[in-house]
Amino acid sequence: ENSNHWIQLNVTWPENQFGLESKVTVYAAGTQEIVGYDEVRTDFCYRSKKSPILHFGLGPVETVDIQVTTRDGRIYEFDGLPADKIHLLEINKP
């Protein structure tokens, strides 16, 4: 056991159930300090698959702001998400 925190993010939008190709940036809440970045993908390497649910280790950070950029370049923000939980980020495109 340690005092480090984590967050898992499941990105979904109507025409892309798994949010594939979404780019996710995690910031310490209320700052521009990036604590994580990843792209939703399921390919990993030969004969392996990666879960579309993204996992980020946050260290001492307890609350984060999330920026999701979809493959068509639209940006969505989710602010003040608590650590140590799995969050479903549902994107409703206009």
C-alpha atoms as a PDB file:
ATOM      1  CA  GLU A   1       0.000   0.000   0.000  1.00  0.00           C
ATOM      2  CA  ASN A   2       1.041   3.559  -0.671  1.00  0.00           C
ATOM      3  CA  SER A   3      -0.610   6.967  -0.879  1.00  0.00           C
ATOM      4  CA  ASN A   4      -0.432   7.283  -4.677  1.00  0.00           C
ATOM      5  CA  HIS A   5      -3.642   7.852  -6.624  1.00  0.00           C
ATOM      6  CA  TRP A   6      -4.918   6.618  -9.987  1.00  0.00           C
ATOM      7  CA  ILE A   7      -7.789   7.206 -12.404  1.00  0.00           C
ATOM      8  CA  GLN A   8      -9.313   5.137 -15.197  1.00  0.00           C
ATOM      9  CA  LEU A   9     -11.185   6.717 -18.097  1.00  0.00           C
ATOM     10  CA  ASN A  10     -13.635   5.068 -20.461  1.00  0.00           C
ATOM     11  CA  VAL A  11     -14.287   7.418 -23.414  1.00  0.00           C
ATOM     12  CA  THR A  12     -17.347   6.824 -25.565  1.00  0.00           C
ATOM     13  CA  TRP A  13     -19.302   8.739 -28.206  1.00  0.00           C
ATOM     14  CA  PRO A  14     -22.350   7.784 -30.274  1.00  0.00           C
ATOM     15  CA  GLU A  15     -20.618   6.637 -33.467  1.00  0.00           C
ATOM     16  CA  ASN A  16     -17.532   5.269 -31.701  1.00  0.00           C
ATOM     17  CA  GLN A  17     -18.501   3.152 -28.702  1.00  0.00           C
ATOM     18  CA  PHE A  18     -14.920   2.689 -27.506  1.00  0.00           C
ATOM     19  CA  GLY A  19     -13.740   6.239 -28.260  1.00  0.00           C
ATOM     20  CA  LEU A  20     -10.976   4.881 -30.473  1.00  0.00           C
ATOM     21  CA  GLU A  21      -8.363   7.422 -31.577  1.00  0.00           C
ATOM     22  CA  SER A  22      -9.425   9.901 -28.863  1.00  0.00           C
ATOM     23  CA  LYS A  23      -6.452  11.729 -27.373  1.00  0.00           C
ATOM     24  CA  VAL A  24      -6.715  12.203 -23.622  1.00  0.00           C
ATOM     25  CA  THR A  25      -4.693  14.692 -21.576  1.00  0.00           C
ATOM     26  CA  VAL A  26      -4.906  14.631 -17.775  1.00  0.00           C
ATOM     27  CA  TYR A  27      -4.090  17.790 -15.801  1.00  0.00           C
ATOM     28  CA  ALA A  28      -3.784  18.384 -12.074  1.00  0.00           C
ATOM     29  CA  ALA A  29      -7.110  20.135 -11.335  1.00  0.00           C
ATOM     30  CA  GLY A  30      -7.099  23.876 -11.921  1.00  0.00           C
ATOM     31  CA  THR A  31      -3.613  23.905 -13.459  1.00  0.00           C
ATOM     32  CA  GLN A  32      -1.861  23.346 -16.778  1.00  0.00           C
ATOM     33  CA  GLU A  33       0.374  20.681 -15.190  1.00  0.00           C
ATOM     34  CA  ILE A  34       0.069  17.555 -17.333  1.00  0.00           C
ATOM     35  CA  VAL A  35       0.086  14.394 -15.235  1.00  0.00           C
ATOM     36  CA  GLY A  36      -0.801  12.008 -18.058  1.00  0.00           C
ATOM     37  CA  TYR A  37      -1.443  11.618 -21.774  1.00  0.00           C
ATOM     38  CA  ASP A  38      -2.608   8.659 -23.841  1.00  0.00           C
ATOM     39  CA  GLU A  39      -4.588   7.783 -26.949  1.00  0.00           C
ATOM     40  CA  VAL A  40      -7.452   5.297 -26.898  1.00  0.00           C
ATOM     41  CA  ARG A  41      -6.249   2.296 -28.899  1.00  0.00           C
ATOM     42  CA  THR A  42      -6.667  -1.436 -28.677  1.00  0.00           C
ATOM     43  CA  ASP A  43      -3.608  -2.462 -30.691  1.00  0.00           C
ATOM     44  CA  PHE A  44      -0.488  -2.958 -28.624  1.00  0.00           C
ATOM     45  CA  CYS A  45       1.925  -5.374 -30.202  1.00  0.00           C
ATOM     46  CA  TYR A  46       2.008  -8.664 -32.028  1.00  0.00           C
ATOM     47  CA  ARG A  47      -0.834 -10.912 -30.791  1.00  0.00           C
ATOM     48  CA  SER A  48      -1.651  -8.583 -27.903  1.00  0.00           C
ATOM     49  CA  LYS A  49      -4.514  -6.232 -27.211  1.00  0.00           C
ATOM     50  CA  LYS A  50      -4.828  -3.204 -24.960  1.00  0.00           C
ATOM     51  CA  SER A  51      -7.999  -2.300 -23.079  1.00  0.00           C
ATOM     52  CA  PRO A  52      -9.774   0.805 -24.406  1.00  0.00           C
ATOM     53  CA  ILE A  53     -10.134   1.956 -20.782  1.00  0.00           C
ATOM     54  CA  LEU A  54      -7.180   4.222 -20.045  1.00  0.00           C
ATOM     55  CA  HIS A  55      -5.333   3.965 -16.715  1.00  0.00           C
ATOM     56  CA  PHE A  56      -3.251   6.822 -15.311  1.00  0.00           C
ATOM     57  CA  GLY A  57      -1.085   6.839 -12.204  1.00  0.00           C
ATOM     58  CA  LEU A  58      -1.461  10.239 -10.547  1.00  0.00           C
ATOM     59  CA  GLY A  59       0.990  10.120  -7.660  1.00  0.00           C
ATOM     60  CA  PRO A  60      -0.170  12.613  -4.993  1.00  0.00           C
ATOM     61  CA  VAL A  61      -2.794  14.312  -7.259  1.00  0.00           C
ATOM     62  CA  GLU A  62      -6.330  13.755  -5.915  1.00  0.00           C
ATOM     63  CA  THR A  63      -8.439  15.683  -8.463  1.00  0.00           C
ATOM     64  CA  VAL A  64      -7.900  16.108 -12.204  1.00  0.00           C
ATOM     65  CA  ASP A  65      -9.200  17.967 -15.235  1.00  0.00           C
ATOM     66  CA  ILE A  66      -9.480  15.980 -18.469  1.00  0.00           C
ATOM     67  CA  GLN A  67      -9.241  17.158 -22.078  1.00  0.00           C
ATOM     68  CA  VAL A  68     -10.422  14.762 -24.788  1.00  0.00           C
ATOM     69  CA  THR A  69      -9.651  15.479 -28.442  1.00  0.00           C
ATOM     70  CA  THR A  70     -11.663  13.332 -30.850  1.00  0.00           C
ATOM     71  CA  ARG A  71     -10.252  12.083 -34.137  1.00  0.00           C
ATOM     72  CA  ASP A  72     -12.021  14.898 -35.991  1.00  0.00           C
ATOM     73  CA  GLY A  73     -10.269  17.508 -33.808  1.00  0.00           C
ATOM     74  CA  ARG A  74     -13.093  18.501 -31.470  1.00  0.00           C
ATOM     75  CA  ILE A  75     -12.074  19.206 -27.871  1.00  0.00           C
ATOM     76  CA  TYR A  76     -14.143  18.308 -24.802  1.00  0.00           C
ATOM     77  CA  GLU A  77     -13.298  19.084 -21.194  1.00  0.00           C
ATOM     78  CA  PHE A  78     -14.244  17.331 -17.964  1.00  0.00           C
ATOM     79  CA  ASP A  79     -13.209  19.213 -14.830  1.00  0.00           C
ATOM     80  CA  GLY A  80     -12.798  18.217 -11.210  1.00  0.00           C
ATOM     81  CA  LEU A  81     -12.829  14.432 -11.502  1.00  0.00           C
ATOM     82  CA  PRO A  82     -11.830  12.649  -8.283  1.00  0.00           C
ATOM     83  CA  ALA A  83      -8.990  10.125  -8.281  1.00  0.00           C
ATOM     84  CA  ASP A  84      -9.227   6.427  -7.415  1.00  0.00           C
ATOM     85  CA  LYS A  85     -12.295   5.824  -9.594  1.00  0.00           C
ATOM     86  CA  ILE A  86     -13.276   4.655 -13.068  1.00  0.00           C
ATOM     87  CA  HIS A  87     -15.038   7.455 -14.978  1.00  0.00           C
ATOM     88  CA  LEU A  88     -17.247   7.098 -18.056  1.00  0.00           C
ATOM     89  CA  LEU A  89     -16.694  10.113 -20.305  1.00  0.00           C
ATOM     90  CA  GLU A  90     -19.671  10.280 -22.661  1.00  0.00           C
ATOM     91  CA  ILE A  91     -19.190  12.688 -25.520  1.00  0.00           C
ATOM     92  CA  ASN A  92     -22.338  13.943 -27.201  1.00  0.00           C
ATOM     93  CA  LYS A  93     -21.324  15.485 -30.481  1.00  0.00           C
ATOM     94  CA  PRO A  94     -23.400  18.370 -31.872  1.00  0.00           C
END
